[in-house]
C-alpha atoms as a PDB file:
ATOM      1  CA  MET A   1     -45.223-173.236  89.065  1.00  0.00           C
ATOM      2  CA  PHE A   2     -42.079-174.180  87.589  1.00  0.00           C
ATOM      3  CA  ILE A   3     -40.432-170.781  87.367  1.00  0.00           C
ATOM      4  CA  SER A   4     -36.978-170.039  88.441  1.00  0.00           C
ATOM      5  CA  LYS A   5     -36.694-166.249  88.750  1.00  0.00           C
ATOM      6  CA  ILE A   6     -33.863-164.344  87.259  1.00  0.00           C
ATOM      7  CA  ASN A   7     -33.349-162.183  90.310  1.00  0.00           C
ATOM      8  CA  GLY A   8     -32.228-165.211  92.256  1.00  0.00           C
ATOM      9  CA  ARG A   9     -29.692-166.491  89.483  1.00  0.00           C
ATOM     10  CA  LYS A  10     -26.016-166.989  89.755  1.00  0.00           C
ATOM     11  CA  PRO A  11     -23.747-164.484  87.942  1.00  0.00           C
ATOM     12  CA  ASP A  12     -22.903-166.940  85.449  1.00  0.00           C
ATOM     13  CA  GLN A  13     -25.996-168.664  85.115  1.00  0.00           C
ATOM     14  CA  VAL A  14     -27.947-168.823  81.872  1.00  0.00           C
ATOM     15  CA  GLN A  15     -31.001-166.661  81.507  1.00  0.00           C
ATOM     16  CA  ALA A  16     -34.015-168.048  79.464  1.00  0.00           C
ATOM     17  CA  LEU A  17     -37.130-166.228  78.514  1.00  0.00           C
ATOM     18  CA  VAL A  18     -40.249-168.364  77.494  1.00  0.00           C
ATOM     19  CA  VAL A  19     -42.882-166.460  75.779  1.00  0.00           C
ATOM     20  CA  ARG A  20     -46.580-167.119  75.826  1.00  0.00           C
ATOM     21  CA  ALA A  21     -49.642-165.723  74.216  1.00  0.00           C
ATOM     22  CA  ALA A  22     -53.295-166.237  74.733  1.00  0.00           C
ATOM     23  CA  GLY A  23     -53.642-170.364  73.624  1.00  0.00           C
ATOM     24  CA  THR A  24     -49.940-171.045  74.710  1.00  0.00           C
ATOM     25  CA  ASN A  25     -50.229-174.276  76.795  1.00  0.00           C
ATOM     26  CA  CYS A  26     -46.598-175.711  77.092  1.00  0.00           C
ATOM     27  CA  ASP A  27     -45.033-172.888  78.873  1.00  0.00           C
ATOM     28  CA  GLN A  28     -44.662-174.548  82.232  1.00  0.00           C
ATOM     29  CA  GLU A  29     -43.167-177.801  80.922  1.00  0.00           C
ATOM     30  CA  THR A  30     -40.812-175.790  78.839  1.00  0.00           C
ATOM     31  CA  ILE A  31     -39.730-173.768  82.016  1.00  0.00           C
ATOM     32  CA  HIS A  32     -39.547-177.073  83.874  1.00  0.00           C
ATOM     33  CA  ALA A  33     -37.311-178.373  81.168  1.00  0.00           C
ATOM     34  CA  LEU A  34     -35.038-175.478  81.069  1.00  0.00           C
ATOM     35  CA  THR A  35     -34.592-175.180  84.842  1.00  0.00           C
ATOM     36  CA  GLN A  36     -33.853-178.840  85.123  1.00  0.00           C
ATOM     37  CA  ALA A  37     -31.097-178.346  82.341  1.00  0.00           C
ATOM     38  CA  GLY A  38     -29.546-175.414  84.682  1.00  0.00           C
ATOM     39  CA  ALA A  39     -31.063-172.254  83.343  1.00  0.00           C
ATOM     40  CA  ALA A  40     -32.822-169.506  85.309  1.00  0.00           C
ATOM     41  CA  CYS A  41     -36.118-168.843  83.496  1.00  0.00           C
ATOM     42  CA  GLU A  42     -38.870-166.214  83.236  1.00  0.00           C
ATOM     43  CA  LEU A  43     -42.094-166.247  81.700  1.00  0.00           C
ATOM     44  CA  ALA A  44     -43.456-163.248  79.823  1.00  0.00           C
ATOM     45  CA  HIS A  45     -46.692-162.670  78.074  1.00  0.00           C
ATOM     46  CA  VAL A  46     -45.804-161.348  74.450  1.00  0.00           C
ATOM     47  CA  ASN A  47     -47.842-157.953  75.337  1.00  0.00           C
ATOM     48  CA  GLN A  48     -45.066-157.447  78.072  1.00  0.00           C
ATOM     49  CA  ILE A  49     -42.438-157.470  75.166  1.00  0.00           C
ATOM     50  CA  LEU A  50     -44.704-155.438  72.648  1.00  0.00           C
ATOM     51  CA  SER A  51     -45.028-152.855  75.442  1.00  0.00           C
ATOM     52  CA  GLY A  52     -41.193-152.664  76.324  1.00  0.00           C
ATOM     53  CA  ARG A  53     -41.762-153.787  79.904  1.00  0.00           C
ATOM     54  CA  THR A  54     -39.759-156.934  79.123  1.00  0.00           C
ATOM     55  CA  ARG A  55     -36.632-156.603  76.702  1.00  0.00           C
ATOM     56  CA  LEU A  56     -34.823-159.622  75.119  1.00  0.00           C
ATOM     57  CA  HIS A  57     -31.285-158.558  75.437  1.00  0.00           C
ATOM     58  CA  PRO A  58     -30.553-159.844  78.967  1.00  0.00           C
ATOM     59  CA  TYR A  59     -31.326-163.405  77.807  1.00  0.00           C
ATOM     60  CA  GLN A  60     -29.250-165.888  76.215  1.00  0.00           C
ATOM     61  CA  ILE A  61     -32.291-168.106  75.246  1.00  0.00           C
ATOM     62  CA  VAL A  62     -35.838-167.226  74.026  1.00  0.00           C
ATOM     63  CA  VAL A  63     -38.297-170.071  73.594  1.00  0.00           C
ATOM     64  CA  PHE A  64     -41.629-169.938  71.921  1.00  0.00           C
ATOM     65  CA  PRO A  65     -43.505-172.996  73.356  1.00  0.00           C
ATOM     66  CA  GLY A  66     -46.223-175.220  71.847  1.00  0.00           C
ATOM     67  CA  GLY A  67     -49.964-174.667  72.221  1.00  0.00           C
ATOM     68  CA  PHE A  68     -52.574-172.972  69.909  1.00  0.00           C
ATOM     69  CA  SER A  69     -51.583-169.319  70.075  1.00  0.00           C
ATOM     70  CA  TYR A  70     -54.630-167.116  69.514  1.00  0.00           C
ATOM     71  CA  GLY A  71     -56.687-170.152  68.895  1.00  0.00           C
ATOM     72  CA  ASP A  72     -54.652-170.701  65.806  1.00  0.00           C
ATOM     73  CA  ASP A  73     -57.048-168.322  64.019  1.00  0.00           C
ATOM     74  CA  ILE A  74     -56.137-167.492  60.244  1.00  0.00           C
ATOM     75  CA  ALA A  75     -53.513-170.220  60.351  1.00  0.00           C
ATOM     76  CA  ALA A  76     -51.474-172.032  63.108  1.00  0.00           C
ATOM     77  CA  GLY A  77     -49.228-169.518  64.686  1.00  0.00           C
ATOM     78  CA  LYS A  78     -50.016-166.661  62.236  1.00  0.00           C
ATOM     79  CA  VAL A  79     -51.288-163.973  64.630  1.00  0.00           C
ATOM     80  CA  LEU A  80     -48.355-164.448  66.883  1.00  0.00           C
ATOM     81  CA  ALA A  81     -46.019-164.509  63.895  1.00  0.00           C
ATOM     82  CA  ASN A  82     -47.184-161.319  62.527  1.00  0.00           C
ATOM     83  CA  GLU A  83     -46.847-159.608  65.944  1.00  0.00           C
ATOM     84  CA  LEU A  84     -43.166-160.590  65.741  1.00  0.00           C
ATOM     85  CA  ARG A  85     -42.732-159.796  62.367  1.00  0.00           C
ATOM     86  CA  LEU A  86     -44.195-156.253  62.454  1.00  0.00           C
ATOM     87  CA  ARG A  87     -43.487-155.232  65.896  1.00  0.00           C
ATOM     88  CA  LEU A  88     -40.261-156.836  67.199  1.00  0.00           C
ATOM     89  CA  LYS A  89     -38.281-157.615  64.008  1.00  0.00           C
ATOM     90  CA  ASP A  90     -35.481-155.242  64.939  1.00  0.00           C
ATOM     91  CA  GLN A  91     -35.210-156.565  68.496  1.00  0.00           C
ATOM     92  CA  LEU A  92     -35.287-160.143  67.355  1.00  0.00           C
ATOM     93  CA  ALA A  93     -32.624-159.581  64.510  1.00  0.00           C
ATOM     94  CA  ARG A  94     -30.289-158.023  67.021  1.00  0.00           C
ATOM     95  CA  PHE A  95     -30.970-161.131  69.409  1.00  0.00           C
ATOM     96  CA  VAL A  96     -30.203-163.611  66.472  1.00  0.00           C
ATOM     97  CA  GLU A  97     -27.119-161.567  65.107  1.00  0.00           C
ATOM     98  CA  GLY A  98     -25.815-161.722  68.836  1.00  0.00           C
ATOM     99  CA  LYS A  99     -25.553-165.615  68.385  1.00  0.00           C
ATOM    100  CA  LYS A 100     -28.253-165.872  70.936  1.00  0.00           C
ATOM    101  CA  LEU A 101     -30.620-168.950  70.860  1.00  0.00           C
ATOM    102  CA  VAL A 102     -34.433-168.791  69.594  1.00  0.00           C
ATOM    103  CA  ILE A 103     -36.103-171.857  69.694  1.00  0.00           C
ATOM    104  CA  GLY A 104     -39.818-172.726  68.667  1.00  0.00           C
ATOM    105  CA  VAL A 105     -41.420-175.824  69.500  1.00  0.00           C
ATOM    106  CA  CYS A 106     -44.700-177.003  67.776  1.00  0.00           C
ATOM    107  CA  ASN A 107     -46.785-173.948  67.647  1.00  0.00           C
ATOM    108  CA  GLY A 108     -43.536-171.969  68.339  1.00  0.00           C
ATOM    109  CA  PHE A 109     -42.095-173.600  65.182  1.00  0.00           C
ATOM    110  CA  GLN A 110     -45.167-172.442  63.214  1.00  0.00           C
ATOM    111  CA  VAL A 111     -44.636-169.046  64.661  1.00  0.00           C
ATOM    112  CA  LEU A 112     -40.878-168.767  63.717  1.00  0.00           C
ATOM    113  CA  VAL A 113     -41.332-169.976  60.278  1.00  0.00           C
ATOM    114  CA  LYS A 114     -44.470-167.540  59.659  1.00  0.00           C
ATOM    115  CA  ALA A 115     -42.456-164.625  61.111  1.00  0.00           C
ATOM    116  CA  GLY A 116     -39.272-165.104  58.850  1.00  0.00           C
ATOM    117  CA  LEU A 117     -36.909-166.308  61.347  1.00  0.00           C
ATOM    118  CA  LEU A 118     -36.903-169.519  59.689  1.00  0.00           C
ATOM    119  CA  PRO A 119     -35.533-171.006  57.426  1.00  0.00           C
ATOM    120  CA  GLY A 120     -33.508-167.891  58.223  1.00  0.00           C
ATOM    121  CA  PHE A 121     -31.504-167.382  55.048  1.00  0.00           C
ATOM    122  CA  THR A 122     -31.108-163.797  56.697  1.00  0.00           C
ATOM    123  CA  PRO A 123     -31.607-162.854  60.269  1.00  0.00           C
ATOM    124  CA  ILE A 124     -35.359-162.397  59.482  1.00  0.00           C
ATOM    125  CA  ASP A 125     -36.544-163.217  56.060  1.00  0.00           C
ATOM    126  CA  ALA A 126     -38.461-160.622  54.189  1.00  0.00           C
ATOM    127  CA  GLU A 127     -40.581-163.165  52.449  1.00  0.00           C
ATOM    128  CA  GLN A 128     -42.021-166.692  53.774  1.00  0.00           C
ATOM    129  CA  SER A 129     -40.274-169.479  51.932  1.00  0.00           C
ATOM    130  CA  ALA A 130     -41.738-172.439  53.963  1.00  0.00           C
ATOM    131  CA  THR A 131     -44.830-173.280  55.935  1.00  0.00           C
ATOM    132  CA  LEU A 132     -46.466-175.824  58.341  1.00  0.00           C
ATOM    133  CA  THR A 133     -49.868-176.782  57.004  1.00  0.00           C
ATOM    134  CA  LEU A 134     -52.608-179.387  57.602  1.00  0.00           C
ATOM    135  CA  ASN A 135     -51.331-182.980  58.088  1.00  0.00           C
ATOM    136  CA  ASP A 136     -51.834-185.348  55.424  1.00  0.00           C
ATOM    137  CA  SER A 137     -54.332-187.223  57.564  1.00  0.00           C
ATOM    138  CA  GLY A 138     -56.522-184.228  57.966  1.00  0.00           C
ATOM    139  CA  ARG A 139     -56.583-184.658  61.629  1.00  0.00           C
ATOM    140  CA  PHE A 140     -54.991-183.640  64.935  1.00  0.00           C
ATOM    141  CA  GLN A 141     -52.408-186.268  65.735  1.00  0.00           C
ATOM    142  CA  CYS A 142     -50.966-187.101  69.270  1.00  0.00           C
ATOM    143  CA  GLU A 143     -48.575-189.881  69.271  1.00  0.00           C
ATOM    144  CA  TRP A 144     -44.830-190.868  69.865  1.00  0.00           C
ATOM    145  CA  VAL A 145     -42.624-190.876  66.751  1.00  0.00           C
ATOM    146  CA  ALA A 146     -39.226-191.732  65.869  1.00  0.00           C
ATOM    147  CA  ILE A 147     -36.788-188.701  65.365  1.00  0.00           C
ATOM    148  CA  ALA A 148     -33.327-188.947  63.482  1.00  0.00           C
ATOM    149  CA  THR A 149     -30.929-186.336  64.169  1.00  0.00           C
ATOM    150  CA  GLU A 150     -29.136-184.885  61.188  1.00  0.00           C
ATOM    151  CA  LYS A 151     -25.623-183.365  61.149  1.00  0.00           C
ATOM    152  CA  SER A 152     -26.579-179.751  61.018  1.00  0.00           C
ATOM    153  CA  ALA A 153     -25.700-176.142  61.267  1.00  0.00           C
ATOM    154  CA  ALA A 154     -26.950-176.292  64.718  1.00  0.00           C
ATOM    155  CA  SER A 155     -23.730-177.632  65.929  1.00  0.00           C
ATOM    156  CA  TRP A 156     -24.688-177.058  69.623  1.00  0.00           C
ATOM    157  CA  LEU A 157     -27.052-180.157  69.078  1.00  0.00           C
ATOM    158  CA  ASP A 158     -23.968-182.436  68.220  1.00  0.00           C
ATOM    159  CA  GLY A 159     -24.065-185.336  70.407  1.00  0.00           C
ATOM    160  CA  MET A 160     -27.736-185.840  70.456  1.00  0.00           C
ATOM    161  CA  PRO A 161     -28.922-189.410  70.181  1.00  0.00           C
ATOM    162  CA  PRO A 162     -29.053-190.428  66.384  1.00  0.00           C
ATOM    163  CA  SER A 163     -32.299-191.771  66.811  1.00  0.00           C
ATOM    164  CA  PHE A 164     -34.873-191.362  69.699  1.00  0.00           C
ATOM    165  CA  GLU A 165     -38.523-190.751  70.126  1.00  0.00           C
ATOM    166  CA  LEU A 166     -40.502-187.731  71.102  1.00  0.00           C
ATOM    167  CA  PRO A 167     -44.363-187.037  71.192  1.00  0.00           C
ATOM    168  CA  ILE A 168     -46.076-185.047  68.713  1.00  0.00           C
ATOM    169  CA  ALA A 169     -49.472-183.071  69.007  1.00  0.00           C
ATOM    170  CA  HIS A 170     -50.413-181.068  66.186  1.00  0.00           C
ATOM    171  CA  GLY A 171     -52.902-180.715  63.336  1.00  0.00           C
ATOM    172  CA  GLU A 172     -50.814-178.424  60.968  1.00  0.00           C
ATOM    173  CA  GLY A 173     -47.211-180.073  61.197  1.00  0.00           C
ATOM    174  CA  LYS A 174     -46.707-180.726  57.762  1.00  0.00           C
ATOM    175  CA  PHE A 175     -43.559-178.777  56.550  1.00  0.00           C
ATOM    176  CA  LEU A 176     -43.324-177.541  53.138  1.00  0.00           C
ATOM    177  CA  THR A 177     -41.067-175.207  51.093  1.00  0.00           C
ATOM    178  CA  ALA A 178     -42.147-172.628  48.480  1.00  0.00           C
ATOM    179  CA  SER A 179     -40.048-174.328  45.825  1.00  0.00           C
ATOM    180  CA  PRO A 180     -37.509-177.111  45.139  1.00  0.00           C
ATOM    181  CA  ALA A 181     -35.057-174.484  45.394  1.00  0.00           C
ATOM    182  CA  VAL A 182     -35.767-173.624  48.984  1.00  0.00           C
ATOM    183  CA  LEU A 183     -35.513-177.404  50.043  1.00  0.00           C
ATOM    184  CA  THR A 184     -32.235-177.540  47.851  1.00  0.00           C
ATOM    185  CA  LYS A 185     -30.816-174.763  49.855  1.00  0.00           C
ATOM    186  CA  LEU A 186     -31.815-176.084  53.288  1.00  0.00           C
ATOM    187  CA  LYS A 187     -29.926-179.135  52.405  1.00  0.00           C
ATOM    188  CA  LYS A 188     -26.810-177.552  51.219  1.00  0.00           C
ATOM    189  CA  ASN A 189     -26.739-175.265  54.235  1.00  0.00           C
ATOM    190  CA  ARG A 190     -27.165-178.163  56.456  1.00  0.00           C
ATOM    191  CA  GLN A 191     -30.235-176.633  57.792  1.00  0.00           C
ATOM    192  CA  ILE A 192     -32.343-179.638  58.474  1.00  0.00           C
ATOM    193  CA  VAL A 193     -31.860-180.539  62.258  1.00  0.00           C
ATOM    194  CA  PHE A 194     -34.348-183.445  62.730  1.00  0.00           C
ATOM    195  CA  ARG A 195     -36.196-185.712  60.318  1.00  0.00           C
ATOM    196  CA  TYR A 196     -39.120-188.273  61.090  1.00  0.00           C
ATOM    197  CA  ASP A 197     -37.465-191.754  61.059  1.00  0.00           C
ATOM    198  CA  LYS A 198     -39.328-194.806  59.893  1.00  0.00           C
ATOM    199  CA  ASN A 199     -42.612-193.212  59.721  1.00  0.00           C
ATOM    200  CA  ASN A 200     -43.775-189.655  58.305  1.00  0.00           C
ATOM    201  CA  PRO A 201     -46.637-188.999  60.416  1.00  0.00           C
ATOM    202  CA  ASN A 202     -47.788-185.720  58.756  1.00  0.00           C
ATOM    203  CA  GLY A 203     -46.485-185.962  55.231  1.00  0.00           C
ATOM    204  CA  SER A 204     -43.598-183.365  55.884  1.00  0.00           C
ATOM    205  CA  GLU A 205     -41.505-182.611  52.673  1.00  0.00           C
ATOM    206  CA  ALA A 206     -38.309-184.662  52.948  1.00  0.00           C
ATOM    207  CA  ALA A 207     -39.677-186.104  56.277  1.00  0.00           C
ATOM    208  CA  ILE A 208     -38.373-182.593  57.943  1.00  0.00           C
ATOM    209  CA  ALA A 209     -39.323-182.462  61.738  1.00  0.00           C
ATOM    210  CA  GLY A 210     -36.879-179.569  62.602  1.00  0.00           C
ATOM    211  CA  VAL A 211     -34.766-176.877  60.720  1.00  0.00           C
ATOM    212  CA  CYS A 212     -32.561-174.077  61.836  1.00  0.00           C
ATOM    213  CA  ASN A 213     -31.341-171.034  60.250  1.00  0.00           C
ATOM    214  CA  VAL A 214     -28.192-170.578  58.502  1.00  0.00           C
ATOM    215  CA  GLY A 215     -26.283-169.479  61.699  1.00  0.00           C
ATOM    216  CA  GLY A 216     -27.695-172.745  63.589  1.00  0.00           C
ATOM    217  CA  ASN A 217     -28.881-170.489  66.526  1.00  0.00           C
ATOM    218  CA  VAL A 218     -32.503-170.326  65.515  1.00  0.00           C
ATOM    219  CA  VAL A 219     -34.144-173.726  65.714  1.00  0.00           C
ATOM    220  CA  GLY A 220     -37.707-175.157  65.298  1.00  0.00           C
ATOM    221  CA  LEU A 221     -39.346-178.472  65.565  1.00  0.00           C
ATOM    222  CA  MET A 222     -42.666-179.993  65.751  1.00  0.00           C
ATOM    223  CA  PRO A 223     -41.893-183.040  68.345  1.00  0.00           C
ATOM    224  CA  HIS A 224     -42.055-181.714  71.970  1.00  0.00           C
ATOM    225  CA  PRO A 225     -38.842-182.368  73.644  1.00  0.00           C
ATOM    226  CA  GLU A 226     -40.135-180.825  76.833  1.00  0.00           C
ATOM    227  CA  ARG A 227     -42.600-183.654  77.154  1.00  0.00           C
ATOM    228  CA  PHE A 228     -39.845-186.237  77.566  1.00  0.00           C
ATOM    229  CA  VAL A 229     -37.300-184.928  79.977  1.00  0.00           C
ATOM    230  CA  SER A 230     -38.032-187.690  82.568  1.00  0.00           C
ATOM    231  CA  ARG A 231     -37.903-191.439  81.536  1.00  0.00           C
ATOM    232  CA  TYR A 232     -41.233-191.776  83.386  1.00  0.00           C
ATOM    233  CA  GLN A 233     -43.115-189.452  80.829  1.00  0.00           C
ATOM    234  CA  HIS A 234     -42.549-192.597  78.265  1.00  0.00           C
ATOM    235  CA  PRO A 235     -45.502-194.929  78.045  1.00  0.00           C
ATOM    236  CA  ASN A 236     -42.969-197.962  77.981  1.00  0.00           C
ATOM    237  CA  TRP A 237     -40.842-196.796  80.839  1.00  0.00           C
ATOM    238  CA  PRO A 238     -41.686-199.913  83.234  1.00  0.00           C
ATOM    239  CA  LEU A 239     -40.139-202.125  80.499  1.00  0.00           C
ATOM    240  CA  TRP A 240     -36.783-200.040  80.497  1.00  0.00           C
ATOM    241  CA  SER A 241     -33.826-201.164  82.586  1.00  0.00           C
ATOM    242  CA  SER A 242     -32.667-198.851  85.334  1.00  0.00           C
ATOM    243  CA  ALA A 243     -29.344-198.668  83.586  1.00  0.00           C
ATOM    244  CA  SER A 244     -31.134-196.401  81.024  1.00  0.00           C
ATOM    245  CA  GLY A 245     -30.955-193.585  83.447  1.00  0.00           C
ATOM    246  CA  GLU A 246     -33.546-191.077  84.767  1.00  0.00           C
ATOM    247  CA  PHE A 247     -33.473-188.698  81.947  1.00  0.00           C
ATOM    248  CA  GLY A 248     -35.754-188.870  78.923  1.00  0.00           C
ATOM    249  CA  ASP A 249     -34.053-188.112  75.458  1.00  0.00           C
ATOM    250  CA  GLY A 250     -35.835-184.741  75.389  1.00  0.00           C
ATOM    251  CA  PHE A 251     -33.806-183.526  78.208  1.00  0.00           C
ATOM    252  CA  TRP A 252     -30.473-183.559  76.204  1.00  0.00           C
ATOM    253  CA  PHE A 253     -31.992-181.059  73.696  1.00  0.00           C
ATOM    254  CA  TRP A 254     -32.447-178.644  76.519  1.00  0.00           C
ATOM    255  CA  GLU A 255     -29.230-179.363  78.198  1.00  0.00           C
ATOM    256  CA  LYS A 256     -27.424-178.877  75.027  1.00  0.00           C
ATOM    257  CA  ALA A 257     -29.350-175.335  74.668  1.00  0.00           C
ATOM    258  CA  VAL A 258     -28.259-174.402  78.063  1.00  0.00           C
ATOM    259  CA  GLY A 259     -24.732-175.509  77.342  1.00  0.00           C
ATOM    260  CA  TYR A 260     -24.524-173.438  74.255  1.00  0.00           C
ATOM    261  CA  ALA A 261     -25.853-170.475  76.040  1.00  0.00           C
ATOM    262  CA  ARG A 262     -23.300-170.999  78.961  1.00  0.00           C
ATOM    263  CA  ASN A 263     -20.432-170.882  76.280  1.00  0.00           C
ATOM    264  CA  LEU A 264     -21.856-167.751  74.837  1.00  0.00           C
ATOM    265  CA  LEU A 265     -21.822-166.221  78.178  1.00  0.00           C
ATOM    266  CA  LYS A 266     -18.096-167.221  78.648  1.00  0.00           C
ATOM    267  CA  GLY A 267     -17.284-165.941  75.026  1.00  0.00           C
ATOM    268  CA  THR A 268     -16.397-169.367  73.854  1.00  0.00           C
ATOM    269  CA  VAL A 269     -18.924-169.712  70.989  1.00  0.00           C
ATOM    270  CA  PRO A 270     -16.843-169.704  67.798  1.00  0.00           C
ATOM    271  CA  ALA A 271     -17.601-167.297  64.967  1.00  0.00           C
ATOM    272  CA  LYS A 272     -19.451-168.936  62.187  1.00  0.00           C
END
């Protein structure tokens, strides 16, 4: 398995925790991506955190990966979101207030939104102000899409390609805000991190593919950067010149996350 144990890490190496639940299915790809980017990773079932056997504070990055947590019963990500909101709220709030990174991909994005960590106008919002709901197509969509990088509060993502491709795989990926005022606030605070470029595959409001909290250290997105860390994961790679390099564009997302966390360890992350 693609697991780099914390016990064997270097003293200055970034520590990342990937959290799974029943139905999570992108944990190993996420661990591989983070390890490739230079982090020491561990995988923990959410029950280990709920029981206190695993604590969040030793880590600089916590990732909630894609899948169908708890079978997406009730709504996508809702059950896991309730566990976080009701039982881990204080621990997560401290983690966020410490400027550490929380990342949610696909189902993980759904979880963060429904747990109140996103849009994240406060460390954990008391009321849900956005959601991810059924695609306009009314079906599960698995395809490659064009993504545009926005200039956002998640400044650690500065330097990402302005436009690139990532795969999506979701049935409930349509991002909606509770009111026009929420969308206005997201724009004003520069909390829109990624948009769908050229084509909006699920009907998301303002073509939103990913958002961050006001501090920029909680990020959620529907596309899967962990599924494009190598050029060979793209269906068109045989047509590309060798000059394009070995890495896929999704790799840079994880490299920048690890780079931010490394700066956090060094104490060089600026105050907001």
